[in-house]
């Protein structure tokens, strides 16, 4: 896919899931660099920066997207000639894709250690990282059972249920609002994350915070599986992650809304789960309590300089 097609598919959620979005963005930068012609460093940098801005604009909440782009693009400012700039950017882009794929596998290995034989697990949305933990435990011979939510309105839970079923995992498919009802049968909750703030709060698919609250009430452990590039450096300075609100057409058709003149459809894509409801965050670098999110940002993303943080483009100050 070229740059414009990738951006369109990310925006319309044909490409979805924070890890997949990040990898596709890195691949798009790689392809855009390969296909373009730039006679000098300045024009090459301008063309690549425009590409990066386009990709970042597609999904405002998924921190993996700008983090991936930042890892690929930021060293570009130190280049001195166009040939080495192109080569080094393309190498960084493909290195990120490899890192992302390996991170999911590593998270699965680490996360499976927190699953016991006979556990009943509840998961929400379609997280590569969370599924990796569950599938790894299943491959190790553990007798596990999963509750997978439907995930309205885009129904990502259908993908999760099929993935689990194809792997031979016993799966119960439930509507989102039934999570509290079935929590009494659950031993462990595992979800993914689209972003993690410096205080350990987790931004994930809408409905996650309700599940975390129900788990907290029922004294069920709530684990988050997430690659380190989903942590949000800009939150160190108190900036907030913009919660994306999508088209009302995903909830009600324009024709139906026309019959409801006093109804406003609200469609937030994500919500925020407070760190108090998160027991552990499983990353490819190890397992962290939420209060150690700053350590992950500093040591894994190498963000410890205010000047570096202040120019990040994907958080909004409120």
Protein backbone atom coordinates (compact mmCIF):
# COMPACT_ATOMS: atom_id res chain seq x y z
CA UNK A 1 0.00 0.00 0.00
CA UNK A 2 1.13 3.55 -0.66
CA UNK A 3 1.04 6.34 1.90
CA UNK A 4 -2.42 7.70 1.05
CA UNK A 5 -4.04 4.26 1.03
CA UNK A 6 -2.49 3.36 4.37
CA UNK A 7 -3.68 6.64 5.89
CA UNK A 8 -7.19 6.09 4.55
CA UNK A 9 -7.39 2.55 5.89
CA UNK A 10 -6.15 3.61 9.33
CA UNK A 11 -8.66 6.46 9.44
CA UNK A 12 -11.58 4.25 8.41
CA UNK A 13 -10.47 1.43 10.75
CA UNK A 14 -9.86 -1.05 7.95
CA UNK A 15 -6.50 -1.25 9.68
CA UNK A 16 -7.16 -1.36 13.40
CA UNK A 17 -5.45 -2.38 16.60
CA UNK A 18 -2.71 -0.17 18.01
CA UNK A 19 0.15 -2.50 17.14
CA UNK A 20 -1.07 -3.09 13.59
CA UNK A 21 -1.57 0.64 13.07
CA UNK A 22 1.98 1.35 14.21
CA UNK A 23 3.50 -1.31 11.95
CA UNK A 24 1.52 -0.19 8.92
CA UNK A 25 2.57 3.41 9.54
CA UNK A 26 6.24 2.41 9.70
CA UNK A 27 5.85 0.38 6.50
CA UNK A 28 4.14 3.34 4.81
CA UNK A 29 7.08 5.59 5.67
CA UNK A 30 9.45 2.94 4.32
CA UNK A 31 7.51 2.67 1.05
CA UNK A 32 7.15 6.45 0.71
CA UNK A 33 10.89 6.86 1.16
CA UNK A 34 11.65 4.13 -1.36
CA UNK A 35 9.27 5.38 -4.03
CA UNK A 36 9.99 9.08 -3.91
CA UNK A 37 12.68 11.06 -5.66
CA UNK A 38 14.47 13.79 -3.74
CA UNK A 39 17.61 15.42 -5.07
CA UNK A 40 18.60 17.05 -1.81
CA UNK A 41 18.25 16.49 1.92
CA UNK A 42 15.90 19.43 2.53
CA UNK A 43 13.30 18.28 0.00
CA UNK A 44 13.53 14.69 1.25
CA UNK A 45 12.97 15.78 4.86
CA UNK A 46 10.02 17.96 3.85
CA UNK A 47 8.40 15.14 1.91
CA UNK A 48 8.85 12.64 4.76
CA UNK A 49 7.64 15.10 7.39
CA UNK A 50 4.49 15.72 5.38
CA UNK A 51 3.97 11.95 5.20
CA UNK A 52 4.45 11.65 8.96
CA UNK A 53 1.96 14.46 9.63
CA UNK A 54 -0.64 12.77 7.42
CA UNK A 55 -0.29 9.45 9.25
CA UNK A 56 -0.38 11.03 12.71
CA UNK A 57 -3.61 12.88 11.84
CA UNK A 58 -5.52 9.65 11.15
CA UNK A 59 -6.09 8.43 14.73
CA UNK A 60 -5.60 10.89 17.61
CA UNK A 61 -5.73 8.45 20.55
CA UNK A 62 -3.54 5.48 19.58
CA UNK A 63 -0.17 6.58 20.99
CA UNK A 64 1.53 3.66 19.23
CA UNK A 65 1.08 5.53 15.94
CA UNK A 66 3.00 8.74 16.75
CA UNK A 67 5.49 6.84 18.90
CA UNK A 68 6.32 4.59 15.95
CA UNK A 69 6.58 7.55 13.60
CA UNK A 70 8.72 9.41 16.11
CA UNK A 71 11.14 6.49 16.43
CA UNK A 72 11.47 6.35 12.66
CA UNK A 73 11.57 10.08 11.96
CA UNK A 74 13.28 11.87 14.84
CA UNK A 75 16.92 10.98 13.96
CA UNK A 76 16.29 12.42 10.49
CA UNK A 77 17.10 15.90 11.83
CA UNK A 78 20.71 14.86 12.44
CA UNK A 79 21.42 13.62 8.90
CA UNK A 80 23.84 15.48 6.61
CA UNK A 81 23.16 13.97 3.18
CA UNK A 82 20.12 12.59 1.40
CA UNK A 83 21.49 9.12 0.62
CA UNK A 84 22.34 8.24 4.22
CA UNK A 85 19.11 9.88 5.43
CA UNK A 86 17.05 7.68 3.14
CA UNK A 87 18.95 4.50 4.01
CA UNK A 88 18.88 5.10 7.75
CA UNK A 89 15.17 5.97 7.81
CA UNK A 90 14.26 2.86 5.85
CA UNK A 91 16.36 0.71 8.19
CA UNK A 92 14.67 2.25 11.25
CA UNK A 93 11.22 1.69 9.76
CA UNK A 94 11.78 -2.01 9.16
CA UNK A 95 13.55 -2.39 12.49
CA UNK A 96 10.44 -1.01 14.21
CA UNK A 97 8.20 -3.50 12.37
CA UNK A 98 10.43 -6.35 13.53
CA UNK A 99 10.54 -4.97 17.09
CA UNK A 100 6.76 -4.71 17.20
CA UNK A 101 6.22 -8.28 16.01
CA UNK A 102 8.78 -9.65 18.45
CA UNK A 103 7.24 -7.63 21.28
CA UNK A 104 3.85 -9.31 20.86
CA UNK A 105 5.45 -12.75 21.02
CA UNK A 106 7.53 -11.80 24.07
CA UNK A 107 4.46 -10.39 25.86
CA UNK A 108 2.66 -13.67 25.22
CA UNK A 109 5.46 -15.65 26.83
CA UNK A 110 5.58 -13.38 29.88
CA UNK A 111 1.81 -13.04 30.18
CA UNK A 112 1.20 -16.79 30.06
CA UNK A 113 3.12 -17.07 33.33
CA UNK A 114 0.30 -15.15 35.02
CA UNK A 115 -2.36 -17.58 33.81
CA UNK A 116 -3.06 -20.74 35.80
CA UNK A 117 -4.36 -24.04 34.58
CA UNK A 118 -8.15 -23.95 34.81
CA UNK A 119 -8.43 -20.15 34.72
CA UNK A 120 -11.45 -18.42 33.21
CA UNK A 121 -10.30 -15.24 31.47
CA UNK A 122 -12.28 -12.23 30.30
CA UNK A 123 -10.89 -10.09 27.47
CA UNK A 124 -12.24 -7.02 25.72
CA UNK A 125 -11.76 -5.80 22.14
CA UNK A 126 -9.19 -7.35 19.78
CA UNK A 127 -5.74 -6.95 21.27
CA UNK A 128 -2.81 -8.79 19.71
CA UNK A 129 -0.90 -8.56 22.97
CA UNK A 130 -3.73 -9.81 25.19
CA UNK A 131 -4.53 -12.64 22.78
CA UNK A 132 -0.86 -13.59 22.66
CA UNK A 133 -0.92 -14.25 26.42
CA UNK A 134 -4.07 -16.37 26.17
CA UNK A 135 -2.97 -18.34 23.11
CA UNK A 136 0.46 -19.00 24.59
CA UNK A 137 -1.12 -20.43 27.75
CA UNK A 138 -3.38 -22.61 25.61
CA UNK A 139 -0.42 -23.88 23.56
CA UNK A 140 1.33 -24.78 26.81
CA UNK A 141 -1.53 -27.16 27.52
CA UNK A 142 -3.42 -25.12 30.08
CA UNK A 143 -7.13 -25.84 30.33
CA UNK A 144 -8.51 -22.32 30.03
CA UNK A 145 -11.83 -20.76 29.09
CA UNK A 146 -12.41 -17.25 27.77
CA UNK A 147 -15.22 -14.70 27.85
CA UNK A 148 -14.93 -12.38 24.85
CA UNK A 149 -17.07 -9.26 24.57
CA UNK A 150 -18.85 -8.16 21.41
CA UNK A 151 -17.27 -4.65 21.45
CA UNK A 152 -19.92 -2.38 20.01
CA UNK A 153 -20.24 -0.56 17.70
CA UNK A 154 -17.45 -1.89 15.42
CA UNK A 155 -17.70 -5.50 16.69
CA UNK A 156 -13.96 -6.16 17.06
CA UNK A 157 -14.92 -8.92 19.49
CA UNK A 158 -16.05 -11.03 16.54
CA UNK A 159 -12.40 -11.16 15.39
CA UNK A 160 -11.27 -12.13 18.89
CA UNK A 161 -13.88 -14.89 19.19
CA UNK A 162 -12.92 -16.35 15.82
CA UNK A 163 -9.21 -16.25 16.63
CA UNK A 164 -9.79 -18.08 19.90
CA UNK A 165 -12.18 -20.59 18.34
CA UNK A 166 -9.76 -21.34 15.50
CA UNK A 167 -7.06 -22.02 18.09
CA UNK A 168 -9.31 -24.46 19.94
CA UNK A 169 -9.90 -22.28 23.01
CA UNK A 170 -13.30 -22.65 24.70
CA UNK A 171 -14.90 -19.24 24.28
CA UNK A 172 -18.07 -17.56 25.50
CA UNK A 173 -19.16 -14.64 23.33
CA UNK A 174 -21.08 -12.00 25.30
CA UNK A 175 -22.50 -8.52 24.80
CA UNK A 176 -20.48 -5.76 26.44
CA UNK A 177 -23.10 -5.00 29.08
CA UNK A 178 -23.00 -8.62 30.33
CA UNK A 179 -19.43 -8.33 31.63
CA UNK A 180 -20.52 -7.51 35.19
CA UNK A 181 -23.04 -10.38 35.18
CA UNK A 182 -20.39 -12.96 34.26
CA UNK A 183 -17.58 -11.49 36.38
CA UNK A 184 -18.43 -13.92 39.19
CA UNK A 185 -17.29 -16.74 36.90
CA UNK A 186 -14.02 -15.04 35.91
CA UNK A 187 -10.58 -15.57 37.47
CA UNK A 188 -8.58 -13.05 35.46
CA UNK A 189 -9.12 -10.13 33.06
CA UNK A 190 -6.59 -9.37 30.34
CA UNK A 191 -7.00 -6.45 27.95
CA UNK A 192 -4.74 -4.51 25.64
CA UNK A 193 -4.09 -0.76 25.61
CA UNK A 194 -4.01 2.00 23.06
CA UNK A 195 -2.10 4.32 25.39
CA UNK A 196 -0.72 4.34 28.92
CA UNK A 197 -0.10 7.61 30.77
CA UNK A 198 2.72 8.49 33.14
CA UNK A 199 0.51 7.78 36.18
CA UNK A 200 -0.37 4.30 34.91
CA UNK A 201 -3.87 5.06 33.67
CA UNK A 202 -4.84 3.00 30.63
CA UNK A 203 -6.64 4.28 27.55
CA UNK A 204 -8.31 1.40 25.74
CA UNK A 205 -11.47 0.51 23.83
CA UNK A 206 -14.66 2.00 25.23
CA UNK A 207 -16.07 -0.29 27.91
CA UNK A 208 -12.69 -1.25 29.36
CA UNK A 209 -13.06 0.97 32.40
CA UNK A 210 -16.44 -0.59 33.26
CA UNK A 211 -14.90 -4.05 33.10
CA UNK A 212 -11.99 -2.92 35.27
CA UNK A 213 -14.40 -1.46 37.82
CA UNK A 214 -16.42 -4.69 37.89
CA UNK A 215 -13.22 -6.70 38.29
CA UNK A 216 -12.06 -4.45 41.12
CA UNK A 217 -15.38 -4.85 42.89
CA UNK A 218 -15.25 -8.64 42.46
CA UNK A 219 -11.56 -8.83 43.48
CA UNK A 220 -10.59 -10.24 40.10
CA UNK A 221 -7.10 -9.36 38.86
CA UNK A 222 -7.05 -6.94 35.93
CA UNK A 223 -3.95 -7.17 33.72
CA UNK A 224 -3.02 -5.01 30.75
CA UNK A 225 -0.82 -6.37 27.96
CA UNK A 226 0.90 -3.62 25.98
CA UNK A 227 4.07 -2.96 24.04
CA UNK A 228 6.35 -0.30 25.55
CA UNK A 229 5.75 2.03 22.61
CA UNK A 230 2.14 2.44 23.81
CA UNK A 231 3.29 4.51 26.79
CA UNK A 232 2.72 8.25 26.31
CA UNK A 233 5.76 10.48 26.99
CA UNK A 234 3.81 13.74 26.60
CA UNK A 235 1.84 12.97 29.75
CA UNK A 236 5.00 13.60 31.79
CA UNK A 237 4.35 17.30 31.24
CA UNK A 238 0.70 17.03 32.19
CA UNK A 239 -0.65 16.97 28.65
CA UNK A 240 -3.71 14.83 28.04
CA UNK A 241 -4.41 12.27 25.37
CA UNK A 242 -7.28 13.25 23.14
CA UNK A 243 -10.10 10.71 23.27
CA UNK A 244 -11.34 10.12 19.74
CA UNK A 245 -15.06 10.43 19.10
CA UNK A 246 -16.18 8.84 15.87
CA UNK A 247 -19.12 9.32 13.51
CA UNK A 248 -22.66 8.87 14.88
CA UNK A 249 -23.32 6.80 11.74
CA UNK A 250 -21.62 3.88 13.54
CA UNK A 251 -24.46 3.94 16.08
CA UNK A 252 -27.54 5.12 14.17
CA UNK A 253 -28.07 5.67 10.47
CA UNK A 254 -28.68 9.24 9.26
CA UNK A 255 -32.24 8.21 8.39
CA UNK A 256 -32.91 6.97 11.91
CA UNK A 257 -31.35 10.07 13.46
CA UNK A 258 -33.63 12.15 11.29
CA UNK A 259 -36.60 10.72 13.17
CA UNK A 260 -35.05 11.67 16.52
CA UNK A 261 -34.60 15.46 16.40
CA UNK A 262 -33.91 15.76 20.13
CA UNK A 263 -31.33 12.97 20.29
CA UNK A 264 -27.57 13.49 20.01
CA UNK A 265 -25.52 10.38 19.37
CA UNK A 266 -22.20 10.26 21.24
CA UNK A 267 -19.62 7.73 20.09
CA UNK A 268 -16.33 7.85 22.02
CA UNK A 269 -13.96 5.14 20.84
CA UNK A 270 -11.90 4.84 24.04
CA UNK A 271 -12.17 5.38 27.77
CA UNK A 272 -9.69 5.80 30.62
CA UNK A 273 -9.15 3.13 33.26
CA UNK A 274 -7.60 4.60 36.43
CA UNK A 275 -4.34 3.06 37.59
CA UNK A 276 -6.04 2.03 40.84
CA UNK A 277 -7.99 -0.61 38.91
CA UNK A 278 -4.94 -2.04 37.10
CA UNK A 279 -2.94 -4.74 38.85
CA UNK A 280 -0.06 -5.20 36.40
CA UNK A 281 1.06 -4.06 32.95
CA UNK A 282 2.74 -6.80 30.91
CA UNK A 283 5.28 -5.50 28.37
CA UNK A 284 8.00 -7.07 26.27
CA UNK A 285 10.50 -5.58 28.74
CA UNK A 286 8.87 -7.21 31.76
CA UNK A 287 5.93 -6.77 34.12
CA UNK A 288 5.34 -3.43 35.82
CA UNK A 289 2.84 -2.11 38.35
CA UNK A 290 1.06 0.92 36.88
CA UNK A 291 2.89 3.34 39.17
CA UNK A 292 6.13 2.48 37.34
CA UNK A 293 4.89 3.84 34.00
CA UNK A 294 7.36 6.72 34.20
CA UNK A 295 10.21 4.22 34.44
CA UNK A 296 9.05 2.53 31.25
CA UNK A 297 8.85 5.88 29.43
CA UNK A 298 12.29 6.93 30.61
CA UNK A 299 14.15 3.66 30.14
CA UNK A 300 12.37 2.02 27.21
CA UNK A 301 11.42 5.05 25.11
CA UNK A 302 14.42 7.17 26.23
CA UNK A 303 12.29 10.22 26.95
CA UNK A 304 13.82 12.10 29.85
CA UNK A 305 14.39 15.54 28.37
CA UNK A 306 11.76 18.27 28.48
CA UNK A 307 12.85 19.72 25.13
CA UNK A 308 12.35 16.34 23.48
CA UNK A 309 8.96 15.84 25.04
CA UNK A 310 7.55 19.29 24.38
CA UNK A 311 7.47 18.94 20.60
CA UNK A 312 5.45 15.74 20.50
CA UNK A 313 2.46 16.28 18.20
CA UNK A 314 -0.10 13.85 19.49
CA UNK A 315 -1.30 15.13 22.83
CA UNK A 316 -3.53 18.07 23.54
CA UNK A 317 -3.30 20.41 26.48
CA UNK A 318 -6.61 21.08 28.16
